[in-house]
Amino acid sequence: MKVVIDTDPGIDDALAILLATASPELDLLGLTTVFGNCAIDVATRNALVLLDIVRRPDVPVARGAADPLASPYLGPVPQVHGVDGLGDGGPSPSPTREPVAQSAAEFLCRTAAAHPGELTILAIGPLTNLALALRLRPDLDTLVERVVVMGGNALVPGNATPAAEANMRSDPEAADVVFGARWPVTMVGLDVTHRVSLRGADVDRLMSAPTEPGRLLARALPLYRSFLERTNGLDGIYLHDPTALACLLDPAAFAVSRWPVRVETQGISRGKTWPSLGDTDDATPAPWQGRPEIGVCVDVDASRVVGLLLDRLSTAVGAADAGEGGG
């Protein structure tokens, strides 16, 4: 499976990238970076560092958007991901190379054109790069096989605000464009990612691995884990972005409904993903008319997904004796 990961690393993005490089089913063609968990220069540096750590100099990195389409960047979330985007647990090495000369949007267009009908875009940050790529090449949505998005909340509350999930709130205008395009989209949002968590004991074991990826996690995960324990009462960590990757690796573990989805761009619900559920007097209200149905993950076999992700993470960091996991 040919994949480009559009990412704002970020700690759970880092986990997803480690997982992707430990998944032989995936032919990782590149990383494109975007603002979000951290500013674009930090996100790009982290993407390069992560690929150095897993010894993948063959995977290019393209620097992407620094700001949303129509509003200022809301800023990083150092309380979750650290000032350095990787937990502020000590210095990480400097990257050994630079990003490619192409922008992320250009890279997406050229990669899709080189592999028509074969490319999957795994988008685990704000969707700005994808919207910009559609501006550059309006037929891009006929060249890409599918887009899998970590973001949104169809039937549950948000996490950035009571209404909105963080990636959608970061650039709702871009998300509405992406969800309205012709490519097949699957939304892996809080409806399922809040059911997939890694237990504290398994987090400890991964951080204790005496390898470069293990040492990275030992620096990165304590802040993320502490935040989630403090705010959500979680013994462990959510696996938001890795769950979107799991949807590529084991789609049968997810229950998917299909609806047109709009993304709110105004007011206190800005960033809310609104599916047209078909239970109104008018089966398709005007704002949703003419919109394609997208796949919305509404349920997940959490223990199955955690088992898969823990097995792959153990491989990625060199931690022995993967546990059974638990959601």
C-alpha atoms as a PDB file:
ATOM      1  CA  MET A   1       0.000   0.000   0.000  1.00  0.00           C
ATOM      2  CA  LYS A   2       1.554   3.290  -1.123  1.00  0.00           C
ATOM      3  CA  VAL A   3       1.136   5.916   1.615  1.00  0.00           C
ATOM      4  CA  VAL A   4       2.046   9.534   2.296  1.00  0.00           C
ATOM      5  CA  ILE A   5       1.534  10.662   5.895  1.00  0.00           C
ATOM      6  CA  ASP A   6       0.516  14.294   6.354  1.00  0.00           C
ATOM      7  CA  THR A   7       1.510  15.091   9.924  1.00  0.00           C
ATOM      8  CA  ASP A   8       2.186  17.656  12.660  1.00  0.00           C
ATOM      9  CA  PRO A   9       4.501  15.713  15.012  1.00  0.00           C
ATOM     10  CA  GLY A  10       3.523  15.871  17.933  1.00  0.00           C
ATOM     11  CA  ILE A  11       3.792  12.873  20.230  1.00  0.00           C
ATOM     12  CA  ASP A  12       0.960  10.688  18.947  1.00  0.00           C
ATOM     13  CA  ASP A  13       2.060  11.573  15.393  1.00  0.00           C
ATOM     14  CA  ALA A  14       5.506  10.291  16.349  1.00  0.00           C
ATOM     15  CA  LEU A  15       3.943   7.034  17.505  1.00  0.00           C
ATOM     16  CA  ALA A  16       2.062   6.728  14.198  1.00  0.00           C
ATOM     17  CA  ILE A  17       5.244   7.340  12.208  1.00  0.00           C
ATOM     18  CA  LEU A  18       7.108   4.694  14.229  1.00  0.00           C
ATOM     19  CA  LEU A  19       4.227   2.300  13.584  1.00  0.00           C
ATOM     20  CA  ALA A  20       4.193   3.017   9.871  1.00  0.00           C
ATOM     21  CA  THR A  21       7.895   2.281   9.527  1.00  0.00           C
ATOM     22  CA  ALA A  22       7.338  -1.024  11.368  1.00  0.00           C
ATOM     23  CA  SER A  23       4.487  -2.079   9.068  1.00  0.00           C
ATOM     24  CA  PRO A  24       5.727  -4.015   6.037  1.00  0.00           C
ATOM     25  CA  GLU A  25       2.316  -3.677   4.343  1.00  0.00           C
ATOM     26  CA  LEU A  26       3.023   0.036   3.841  1.00  0.00           C
ATOM     27  CA  ASP A  27       5.225   1.557   1.173  1.00  0.00           C
ATOM     28  CA  LEU A  28       5.927   4.901   2.845  1.00  0.00           C
ATOM     29  CA  LEU A  29       6.527   7.373   0.019  1.00  0.00           C
ATOM     30  CA  GLY A  30       6.947  10.477   2.154  1.00  0.00           C
ATOM     31  CA  LEU A  31       5.952  12.666   5.057  1.00  0.00           C
ATOM     32  CA  THR A  32       4.376  16.073   4.531  1.00  0.00           C
ATOM     33  CA  THR A  33       4.326  18.418   7.495  1.00  0.00           C
ATOM     34  CA  VAL A  34       1.757  20.946   8.669  1.00  0.00           C
ATOM     35  CA  PHE A  35       1.287  23.332  11.610  1.00  0.00           C
ATOM     36  CA  GLY A  36      -0.838  22.019  14.455  1.00  0.00           C
ATOM     37  CA  ASN A  37       0.559  20.426  17.607  1.00  0.00           C
ATOM     38  CA  CYS A  38       3.578  22.647  17.008  1.00  0.00           C
ATOM     39  CA  ALA A  39       4.677  25.305  14.543  1.00  0.00           C
ATOM     40  CA  ILE A  40       5.684  24.202  11.067  1.00  0.00           C
ATOM     41  CA  ASP A  41       9.459  24.477  11.562  1.00  0.00           C
ATOM     42  CA  VAL A  42       9.262  22.319  14.694  1.00  0.00           C
ATOM     43  CA  ALA A  43       6.956  19.808  13.004  1.00  0.00           C
ATOM     44  CA  THR A  44       9.312  19.515  10.021  1.00  0.00           C
ATOM     45  CA  ARG A  45      12.364  19.101  12.224  1.00  0.00           C
ATOM     46  CA  ASN A  46      10.616  16.383  14.228  1.00  0.00           C
ATOM     47  CA  ALA A  47       9.590  14.496  11.086  1.00  0.00           C
ATOM     48  CA  LEU A  48      13.205  14.466   9.904  1.00  0.00           C
ATOM     49  CA  VAL A  49      14.496  13.410  13.333  1.00  0.00           C
ATOM     50  CA  LEU A  50      11.996  10.557  13.566  1.00  0.00           C
ATOM     51  CA  LEU A  51      13.048   9.200  10.184  1.00  0.00           C
ATOM     52  CA  ASP A  52      16.696   9.437  11.244  1.00  0.00           C
ATOM     53  CA  ILE A  53      15.931   7.471  14.399  1.00  0.00           C
ATOM     54  CA  VAL A  54      14.302   4.633  12.450  1.00  0.00           C
ATOM     55  CA  ARG A  55      17.008   4.818   9.774  1.00  0.00           C
ATOM     56  CA  ARG A  56      14.757   5.695   6.848  1.00  0.00           C
ATOM     57  CA  PRO A  57      16.773   8.226   4.799  1.00  0.00           C
ATOM     58  CA  ASP A  58      14.857   7.017   1.746  1.00  0.00           C
ATOM     59  CA  VAL A  59      11.633   8.674   2.925  1.00  0.00           C
ATOM     60  CA  PRO A  60      11.430  12.331   1.831  1.00  0.00           C
ATOM     61  CA  VAL A  61       9.935  15.081   3.987  1.00  0.00           C
ATOM     62  CA  ALA A  62       8.139  18.058   2.430  1.00  0.00           C
ATOM     63  CA  ARG A  63       7.484  21.167   4.522  1.00  0.00           C
ATOM     64  CA  GLY A  64       3.883  22.304   4.370  1.00  0.00           C
ATOM     65  CA  ALA A  65       1.534  25.019   5.516  1.00  0.00           C
ATOM     66  CA  ALA A  66       2.472  27.293   8.414  1.00  0.00           C
ATOM     67  CA  ASP A  67      -1.024  28.758   8.782  1.00  0.00           C
ATOM     68  CA  PRO A  68      -4.656  27.807   8.147  1.00  0.00           C
ATOM     69  CA  LEU A  69      -6.431  28.806   4.947  1.00  0.00           C
ATOM     70  CA  ALA A  70      -8.506  31.655   6.346  1.00  0.00           C
ATOM     71  CA  SER A  71      -7.490  32.439   9.923  1.00  0.00           C
ATOM     72  CA  PRO A  72      -4.386  32.834  12.087  1.00  0.00           C
ATOM     73  CA  TYR A  73      -2.636  29.767  13.495  1.00  0.00           C
ATOM     74  CA  LEU A  74      -4.092  29.100  16.944  1.00  0.00           C
ATOM     75  CA  GLY A  75      -0.649  28.235  18.249  1.00  0.00           C
ATOM     76  CA  PRO A  76       1.041  25.103  19.599  1.00  0.00           C
ATOM     77  CA  VAL A  77      -0.099  23.066  22.602  1.00  0.00           C
ATOM     78  CA  PRO A  78       3.068  22.761  24.720  1.00  0.00           C
ATOM     79  CA  GLN A  79       1.066  21.516  27.707  1.00  0.00           C
ATOM     80  CA  VAL A  80       0.293  18.370  25.678  1.00  0.00           C
ATOM     81  CA  HIS A  81       3.280  17.911  23.365  1.00  0.00           C
ATOM     82  CA  GLY A  82       5.985  20.156  24.803  1.00  0.00           C
ATOM     83  CA  VAL A  83       7.662  23.211  23.360  1.00  0.00           C
ATOM     84  CA  ASP A  84       9.765  20.911  21.171  1.00  0.00           C
ATOM     85  CA  GLY A  85       6.715  18.861  20.113  1.00  0.00           C
ATOM     86  CA  LEU A  86       8.299  15.729  21.559  1.00  0.00           C
ATOM     87  CA  GLY A  87       7.654  16.081  25.270  1.00  0.00           C
ATOM     88  CA  ASP A  88      10.495  18.397  26.373  1.00  0.00           C
ATOM     89  CA  GLY A  89      12.183  15.384  27.958  1.00  0.00           C
ATOM     90  CA  GLY A  90      15.696  16.339  26.956  1.00  0.00           C
ATOM     91  CA  PRO A  91      17.468  17.260  23.748  1.00  0.00           C
ATOM     92  CA  SER A  92      16.777  15.232  20.656  1.00  0.00           C
ATOM     93  CA  PRO A  93      19.414  14.925  17.937  1.00  0.00           C
ATOM     94  CA  SER A  94      19.567  17.397  15.087  1.00  0.00           C
ATOM     95  CA  PRO A  95      18.261  16.083  11.758  1.00  0.00           C
ATOM     96  CA  THR A  96      20.877  14.867   9.326  1.00  0.00           C
ATOM     97  CA  ARG A  97      19.151  16.269   6.235  1.00  0.00           C
ATOM     98  CA  GLU A  98      16.828  18.964   4.960  1.00  0.00           C
ATOM     99  CA  PRO A  99      13.278  18.719   3.620  1.00  0.00           C
ATOM    100  CA  VAL A 100      12.862  18.506  -0.137  1.00  0.00           C
ATOM    101  CA  ALA A 101      12.513  21.695  -2.147  1.00  0.00           C
ATOM    102  CA  GLN A 102       8.863  21.062  -3.020  1.00  0.00           C
ATOM    103  CA  SER A 103       6.108  22.281  -0.758  1.00  0.00           C
ATOM    104  CA  ALA A 104       3.883  19.672   0.827  1.00  0.00           C
ATOM    105  CA  ALA A 105       1.050  20.524  -1.569  1.00  0.00           C
ATOM    106  CA  GLU A 106       3.370  20.150  -4.568  1.00  0.00           C
ATOM    107  CA  PHE A 107       4.739  16.891  -3.197  1.00  0.00           C
ATOM    108  CA  LEU A 108       1.225  15.462  -2.771  1.00  0.00           C
ATOM    109  CA  CYS A 109       0.295  16.428  -6.325  1.00  0.00           C
ATOM    110  CA  ARG A 110       3.458  15.003  -7.885  1.00  0.00           C
ATOM    111  CA  THR A 111       3.324  11.789  -5.865  1.00  0.00           C
ATOM    112  CA  ALA A 112      -0.333  11.182  -6.751  1.00  0.00           C
ATOM    113  CA  ALA A 113       0.401  11.838 -10.432  1.00  0.00           C
ATOM    114  CA  ALA A 114       3.290   9.374 -10.319  1.00  0.00           C
ATOM    115  CA  HIS A 115       1.040   6.675  -8.806  1.00  0.00           C
ATOM    116  CA  PRO A 116      -2.461   7.345 -10.173  1.00  0.00           C
ATOM    117  CA  GLY A 117      -5.145   5.395  -8.356  1.00  0.00           C
ATOM    118  CA  GLU A 118      -2.627   3.866  -5.927  1.00  0.00           C
ATOM    119  CA  LEU A 119      -1.865   6.528  -3.298  1.00  0.00           C
ATOM    120  CA  THR A 120      -3.393   6.631   0.171  1.00  0.00           C
ATOM    121  CA  ILE A 121      -3.002   9.868   2.115  1.00  0.00           C
ATOM    122  CA  LEU A 122      -3.034   9.359   5.869  1.00  0.00           C
ATOM    123  CA  ALA A 123      -3.780  12.837   7.225  1.00  0.00           C
ATOM    124  CA  ILE A 124      -3.178  13.072  10.982  1.00  0.00           C
ATOM    125  CA  GLY A 125      -2.961  16.848  11.378  1.00  0.00           C
ATOM    126  CA  PRO A 126      -4.965  19.826  10.151  1.00  0.00           C
ATOM    127  CA  LEU A 127      -6.044  19.344   6.520  1.00  0.00           C
ATOM    128  CA  THR A 128      -4.534  22.524   5.095  1.00  0.00           C
ATOM    129  CA  ASN A 129      -1.968  20.823   2.839  1.00  0.00           C
ATOM    130  CA  LEU A 130      -4.643  18.683   1.210  1.00  0.00           C
ATOM    131  CA  ALA A 131      -6.852  21.691   0.515  1.00  0.00           C
ATOM    132  CA  LEU A 132      -3.888  23.589  -0.950  1.00  0.00           C
ATOM    133  CA  ALA A 133      -3.000  20.597  -3.120  1.00  0.00           C
ATOM    134  CA  LEU A 134      -6.552  20.577  -4.488  1.00  0.00           C
ATOM    135  CA  ARG A 135      -6.101  24.236  -5.427  1.00  0.00           C
ATOM    136  CA  LEU A 136      -2.904  23.394  -7.293  1.00  0.00           C
ATOM    137  CA  ARG A 137      -4.421  20.394  -9.038  1.00  0.00           C
ATOM    138  CA  PRO A 138      -8.244  20.282  -9.022  1.00  0.00           C
ATOM    139  CA  ASP A 139      -8.230  16.721 -10.404  1.00  0.00           C
ATOM    140  CA  LEU A 140      -6.114  15.472  -7.493  1.00  0.00           C
ATOM    141  CA  ASP A 141      -9.200  13.911  -5.953  1.00  0.00           C
ATOM    142  CA  THR A 142      -9.492  11.626  -8.989  1.00  0.00           C
ATOM    143  CA  LEU A 143      -5.858  10.487  -8.741  1.00  0.00           C
ATOM    144  CA  VAL A 144      -5.709   9.583  -5.042  1.00  0.00           C
ATOM    145  CA  GLU A 145      -7.064   6.167  -4.104  1.00  0.00           C
ATOM    146  CA  ARG A 146      -8.324   7.307  -0.696  1.00  0.00           C
ATOM    147  CA  VAL A 147      -7.797   9.686   2.204  1.00  0.00           C
ATOM    148  CA  VAL A 148      -7.882   8.516   5.827  1.00  0.00           C
ATOM    149  CA  VAL A 149      -8.229  11.380   8.305  1.00  0.00           C
ATOM    150  CA  MET A 150      -7.566  11.378  12.026  1.00  0.00           C
ATOM    151  CA  GLY A 151      -9.943  14.029  13.189  1.00  0.00           C
ATOM    152  CA  GLY A 152     -13.498  15.057  13.797  1.00  0.00           C
ATOM    153  CA  ASN A 153     -16.255  13.989  16.130  1.00  0.00           C
ATOM    154  CA  ALA A 154     -19.535  12.898  14.594  1.00  0.00           C
ATOM    155  CA  LEU A 155     -21.573  11.693  17.568  1.00  0.00           C
ATOM    156  CA  VAL A 156     -19.441  12.592  20.601  1.00  0.00           C
ATOM    157  CA  PRO A 157     -18.089  15.825  22.152  1.00  0.00           C
ATOM    158  CA  GLY A 158     -14.885  17.487  21.011  1.00  0.00           C
ATOM    159  CA  ASN A 159     -11.551  17.659  22.787  1.00  0.00           C
ATOM    160  CA  ALA A 160     -10.327  21.122  21.743  1.00  0.00           C
ATOM    161  CA  THR A 161     -13.699  22.645  22.640  1.00  0.00           C
ATOM    162  CA  PRO A 162     -16.980  21.041  23.713  1.00  0.00           C
ATOM    163  CA  ALA A 163     -17.921  21.123  20.026  1.00  0.00           C
ATOM    164  CA  ALA A 164     -14.736  20.393  18.084  1.00  0.00           C
ATOM    165  CA  GLU A 165     -11.825  18.005  17.762  1.00  0.00           C
ATOM    166  CA  ALA A 166      -8.386  19.634  17.626  1.00  0.00           C
ATOM    167  CA  ASN A 167      -7.350  18.923  14.017  1.00  0.00           C
ATOM    168  CA  MET A 168     -10.689  20.100  12.636  1.00  0.00           C
ATOM    169  CA  ARG A 169     -10.708  23.224  14.791  1.00  0.00           C
ATOM    170  CA  SER A 170      -7.222  24.112  13.569  1.00  0.00           C
ATOM    171  CA  ASP A 171      -8.478  24.645   9.989  1.00  0.00           C
ATOM    172  CA  PRO A 172     -12.194  23.983   9.513  1.00  0.00           C
ATOM    173  CA  GLU A 173     -12.265  25.670   6.103  1.00  0.00           C
ATOM    174  CA  ALA A 174      -9.670  23.224   4.795  1.00  0.00           C
ATOM    175  CA  ALA A 175     -11.457  20.256   6.357  1.00  0.00           C
ATOM    176  CA  ASP A 176     -14.747  21.227   4.731  1.00  0.00           C
ATOM    177  CA  VAL A 177     -12.993  21.348   1.345  1.00  0.00           C
ATOM    178  CA  VAL A 178     -11.402  17.931   1.851  1.00  0.00           C
ATOM    179  CA  PHE A 179     -14.660  16.319   2.990  1.00  0.00           C
ATOM    180  CA  GLY A 180     -16.444  17.767  -0.038  1.00  0.00           C
ATOM    181  CA  ALA A 181     -13.982  16.501  -2.660  1.00  0.00           C
ATOM    182  CA  ARG A 182     -14.463  13.441  -4.854  1.00  0.00           C
ATOM    183  CA  TRP A 183     -11.853  11.154  -3.298  1.00  0.00           C
ATOM    184  CA  PRO A 184     -13.016   8.439  -0.877  1.00  0.00           C
ATOM    185  CA  VAL A 185     -12.553   9.725   2.677  1.00  0.00           C
ATOM    186  CA  THR A 186     -12.624   7.809   5.955  1.00  0.00           C
ATOM    187  CA  MET A 187     -12.877   9.881   9.137  1.00  0.00           C
ATOM    188  CA  VAL A 188     -11.259   8.245  12.166  1.00  0.00           C
ATOM    189  CA  GLY A 189     -12.361  10.631  14.869  1.00  0.00           C
ATOM    190  CA  LEU A 190     -12.970  10.829  18.578  1.00  0.00           C
ATOM    191  CA  ASP A 191     -15.948   8.488  18.180  1.00  0.00           C
ATOM    192  CA  VAL A 192     -13.363   5.694  18.091  1.00  0.00           C
ATOM    193  CA  THR A 193      -9.981   7.119  19.148  1.00  0.00           C
ATOM    194  CA  HIS A 194     -11.210   7.840  22.682  1.00  0.00           C
ATOM    195  CA  ARG A 195     -11.878   4.103  23.007  1.00  0.00           C
ATOM    196  CA  VAL A 196      -8.319   3.073  22.129  1.00  0.00           C
ATOM    197  CA  SER A 197      -5.766   3.559  24.887  1.00  0.00           C
ATOM    198  CA  LEU A 198      -2.477   2.008  25.898  1.00  0.00           C
ATOM    199  CA  ARG A 199      -2.177   0.967  29.546  1.00  0.00           C
ATOM    200  CA  GLY A 200       0.386   2.547  31.795  1.00  0.00           C
ATOM    201  CA  ALA A 201       2.316  -0.706  32.228  1.00  0.00           C
ATOM    202  CA  ASP A 202       2.686  -1.069  28.456  1.00  0.00           C
ATOM    203  CA  VAL A 203       3.785   2.558  28.159  1.00  0.00           C
ATOM    204  CA  ASP A 204       6.444   1.897  30.796  1.00  0.00           C
ATOM    205  CA  ARG A 205       7.721  -1.144  28.916  1.00  0.00           C
ATOM    206  CA  LEU A 206       7.990   0.719  25.617  1.00  0.00           C
ATOM    207  CA  MET A 207       9.881   3.568  27.293  1.00  0.00           C
ATOM    208  CA  SER A 208      12.340   1.140  28.855  1.00  0.00           C
ATOM    209  CA  ALA A 209      13.534  -0.313  25.532  1.00  0.00           C
ATOM    210  CA  PRO A 210      17.323   0.276  25.244  1.00  0.00           C
ATOM    211  CA  THR A 211      17.114   1.490  21.653  1.00  0.00           C
ATOM    212  CA  GLU A 212      16.997   4.855  19.919  1.00  0.00           C
ATOM    213  CA  PRO A 213      13.198   4.709  19.419  1.00  0.00           C
ATOM    214  CA  GLY A 214      12.779   3.561  23.022  1.00  0.00           C
ATOM    215  CA  ARG A 215      14.877   6.455  24.290  1.00  0.00           C
ATOM    216  CA  LEU A 216      12.806   8.836  22.148  1.00  0.00           C
ATOM    217  CA  LEU A 217       9.616   7.547  23.782  1.00  0.00           C
ATOM    218  CA  ALA A 218      11.220   7.812  27.216  1.00  0.00           C
ATOM    219  CA  ARG A 219      11.783  11.522  26.533  1.00  0.00           C
ATOM    220  CA  ALA A 220       8.444  12.138  24.829  1.00  0.00           C
ATOM    221  CA  LEU A 221       5.728  10.161  26.608  1.00  0.00           C
ATOM    222  CA  PRO A 222       5.888  11.311  30.252  1.00  0.00           C
ATOM    223  CA  LEU A 223       4.472  14.783  29.497  1.00  0.00           C
ATOM    224  CA  TYR A 224       1.724  13.412  27.235  1.00  0.00           C
ATOM    225  CA  ARG A 225       0.872  10.724  29.756  1.00  0.00           C
ATOM    226  CA  SER A 226       0.815  13.189  32.649  1.00  0.00           C
ATOM    227  CA  PHE A 227      -1.499  15.516  30.744  1.00  0.00           C
ATOM    228  CA  LEU A 228      -3.975  12.723  29.981  1.00  0.00           C
ATOM    229  CA  GLU A 229      -3.867  11.398  33.533  1.00  0.00           C
ATOM    230  CA  ARG A 230      -4.556  14.908  34.852  1.00  0.00           C
ATOM    231  CA  THR A 231      -7.298  15.882  32.413  1.00  0.00           C
ATOM    232  CA  ASN A 232      -8.938  12.549  31.550  1.00  0.00           C
ATOM    233  CA  GLY A 233      -8.116  10.338  34.511  1.00  0.00           C
ATOM    234  CA  LEU A 234      -6.438   7.918  32.114  1.00  0.00           C
ATOM    235  CA  ASP A 235      -3.923   5.320  33.270  1.00  0.00           C
ATOM    236  CA  GLY A 236      -1.899   5.423  30.086  1.00  0.00           C
ATOM    237  CA  ILE A 237      -2.305   7.297  26.800  1.00  0.00           C
ATOM    238  CA  TYR A 238      -4.798   7.682  23.984  1.00  0.00           C
ATOM    239  CA  LEU A 239      -3.618   6.447  20.592  1.00  0.00           C
ATOM    240  CA  HIS A 240      -5.380   8.974  18.347  1.00  0.00           C
ATOM    241  CA  ASP A 241      -3.083   9.040  15.312  1.00  0.00           C
ATOM    242  CA  PRO A 242      -2.012   5.384  15.603  1.00  0.00           C
ATOM    243  CA  THR A 243      -5.696   4.416  15.512  1.00  0.00           C
ATOM    244  CA  ALA A 244      -6.025   6.084  12.113  1.00  0.00           C
ATOM    245  CA  LEU A 245      -3.034   4.029  10.952  1.00  0.00           C
ATOM    246  CA  ALA A 246      -4.713   0.897  12.362  1.00  0.00           C
ATOM    247  CA  CYS A 247      -7.713   1.672  10.157  1.00  0.00           C
ATOM    248  CA  LEU A 248      -5.382   1.145   7.178  1.00  0.00           C
ATOM    249  CA  LEU A 249      -3.849  -2.024   8.579  1.00  0.00           C
ATOM    250  CA  ASP A 250      -7.003  -3.702   9.910  1.00  0.00           C
ATOM    251  CA  PRO A 251     -10.141  -1.986   8.564  1.00  0.00           C
ATOM    252  CA  ALA A 252     -12.346  -4.888   9.676  1.00  0.00           C
ATOM    253  CA  ALA A 253     -11.794  -3.793  13.293  1.00  0.00           C
ATOM    254  CA  PHE A 254     -13.868  -0.655  12.633  1.00  0.00           C
ATOM    255  CA  ALA A 255     -17.594  -0.103  12.085  1.00  0.00           C
ATOM    256  CA  VAL A 256     -18.164   2.613   9.492  1.00  0.00           C
ATOM    257  CA  SER A 257     -21.281   4.603   8.649  1.00  0.00           C
ATOM    258  CA  ARG A 258     -21.587   6.762   5.548  1.00  0.00           C
ATOM    259  CA  TRP A 259     -22.905  10.320   5.619  1.00  0.00           C
ATOM    260  CA  PRO A 260     -22.251  13.678   3.973  1.00  0.00           C
ATOM    261  CA  VAL A 261     -20.270  15.743   6.490  1.00  0.00           C
ATOM    262  CA  ARG A 262     -19.946  19.505   6.807  1.00  0.00           C
ATOM    263  CA  VAL A 263     -17.420  21.247   9.026  1.00  0.00           C
ATOM    264  CA  GLU A 264     -18.663  24.290  10.937  1.00  0.00           C
ATOM    265  CA  THR A 265     -16.603  27.412  10.249  1.00  0.00           C
ATOM    266  CA  GLN A 266     -18.439  29.944  12.435  1.00  0.00           C
ATOM    267  CA  GLY A 267     -19.158  30.703  16.062  1.00  0.00           C
ATOM    268  CA  ILE A 268     -18.750  28.580  19.161  1.00  0.00           C
ATOM    269  CA  SER A 269     -19.089  25.336  17.165  1.00  0.00           C
ATOM    270  CA  ARG A 270     -16.213  26.202  14.823  1.00  0.00           C
ATOM    271  CA  GLY A 271     -14.510  22.957  13.803  1.00  0.00           C
ATOM    272  CA  LYS A 272     -17.459  20.687  14.607  1.00  0.00           C
ATOM    273  CA  THR A 273     -17.947  17.905  12.043  1.00  0.00           C
ATOM    274  CA  TRP A 274     -21.668  17.641  11.302  1.00  0.00           C
ATOM    275  CA  PRO A 275     -22.911  14.486   9.551  1.00  0.00           C
ATOM    276  CA  SER A 276     -26.272  14.567   7.807  1.00  0.00           C
ATOM    277  CA  LEU A 277     -27.815  11.632   9.657  1.00  0.00           C
ATOM    278  CA  GLY A 278     -30.974  11.405   7.529  1.00  0.00           C
ATOM    279  CA  ASP A 279     -33.318  11.765  10.498  1.00  0.00           C
ATOM    280  CA  THR A 280     -34.590  15.264   9.718  1.00  0.00           C
ATOM    281  CA  ASP A 281     -37.857  16.164   8.000  1.00  0.00           C
ATOM    282  CA  ASP A 282     -35.818  17.006   4.905  1.00  0.00           C
ATOM    283  CA  ALA A 283     -33.671  13.906   4.337  1.00  0.00           C
ATOM    284  CA  THR A 284     -30.787  15.983   2.962  1.00  0.00           C
ATOM    285  CA  PRO A 285     -30.794  19.582   4.251  1.00  0.00           C
ATOM    286  CA  ALA A 286     -29.478  22.215   1.847  1.00  0.00           C
ATOM    287  CA  PRO A 287     -25.949  22.638   3.290  1.00  0.00           C
ATOM    288  CA  TRP A 288     -25.299  18.909   2.776  1.00  0.00           C
ATOM    289  CA  GLN A 289     -26.921  18.562  -0.647  1.00  0.00           C
ATOM    290  CA  GLY A 290     -24.499  17.576  -3.394  1.00  0.00           C
ATOM    291  CA  ARG A 291     -21.853  16.537  -0.883  1.00  0.00           C
ATOM    292  CA  PRO A 292     -20.322  13.069  -1.175  1.00  0.00           C
ATOM    293  CA  GLU A 293     -20.855  10.557   1.583  1.00  0.00           C
ATOM    294  CA  ILE A 294     -17.710   9.847   3.557  1.00  0.00           C
ATOM    295  CA  GLY A 295     -16.933   6.904   5.795  1.00  0.00           C
ATOM    296  CA  VAL A 296     -17.244   7.817   9.471  1.00  0.00           C
ATOM    297  CA  CYS A 297     -15.834   5.352  11.991  1.00  0.00           C
ATOM    298  CA  VAL A 298     -18.467   4.966  14.699  1.00  0.00           C
ATOM    299  CA  ASP A 299     -17.294   1.860  16.565  1.00  0.00           C
ATOM    300  CA  VAL A 300     -14.083  -0.099  17.036  1.00  0.00           C
ATOM    301  CA  ASP A 301     -12.887  -3.393  18.450  1.00  0.00           C
ATOM    302  CA  ALA A 302     -10.589  -1.586  20.857  1.00  0.00           C
ATOM    303  CA  SER A 303      -8.769  -4.606  22.255  1.00  0.00           C
ATOM    304  CA  ARG A 304      -8.024  -5.874  18.740  1.00  0.00           C
ATOM    305  CA  VAL A 305      -6.657  -2.483  17.670  1.00  0.00           C
ATOM    306  CA  VAL A 306      -4.598  -2.043  20.842  1.00  0.00           C
ATOM    307  CA  GLY A 307      -3.152  -5.518  20.369  1.00  0.00           C
ATOM    308  CA  LEU A 308      -2.121  -4.692  16.814  1.00  0.00           C
ATOM    309  CA  LEU A 309      -0.652  -1.331  17.736  1.00  0.00           C
ATOM    310  CA  LEU A 310       1.198  -2.672  20.766  1.00  0.00           C
ATOM    311  CA  ASP A 311       2.688  -5.487  18.716  1.00  0.00           C
ATOM    312  CA  ARG A 312       3.883  -3.045  16.045  1.00  0.00           C
ATOM    313  CA  LEU A 313       5.138  -0.498  18.572  1.00  0.00           C
ATOM    314  CA  SER A 314       7.080  -3.240  20.356  1.00  0.00           C
ATOM    315  CA  THR A 315       8.700  -4.105  17.020  1.00  0.00           C
ATOM    316  CA  ALA A 316       9.386  -0.437  16.252  1.00  0.00           C
ATOM    317  CA  VAL A 317      11.153   0.256  19.553  1.00  0.00           C
ATOM    318  CA  GLY A 318      12.675  -3.178  20.073  1.00  0.00           C
ATOM    319  CA  ALA A 319      10.683  -3.927  23.234  1.00  0.00           C
ATOM    320  CA  ALA A 320      10.307  -7.650  23.917  1.00  0.00           C
ATOM    321  CA  ASP A 321       7.258  -9.569  25.109  1.00  0.00           C
ATOM    322  CA  ALA A 322       4.342  -7.532  23.787  1.00  0.00           C
ATOM    323  CA  GLY A 323       1.442  -7.678  26.203  1.00  0.00           C
ATOM    324  CA  GLU A 324      -2.175  -8.334  25.384  1.00  0.00           C
ATOM    325  CA  GLY A 325      -3.080  -4.637  25.658  1.00  0.00           C
ATOM    326  CA  GLY A 326      -6.470  -3.230  26.466  1.00  0.00           C
ATOM    327  CA  GLY A 327      -8.725  -0.436  25.355  1.00  0.00           C
END
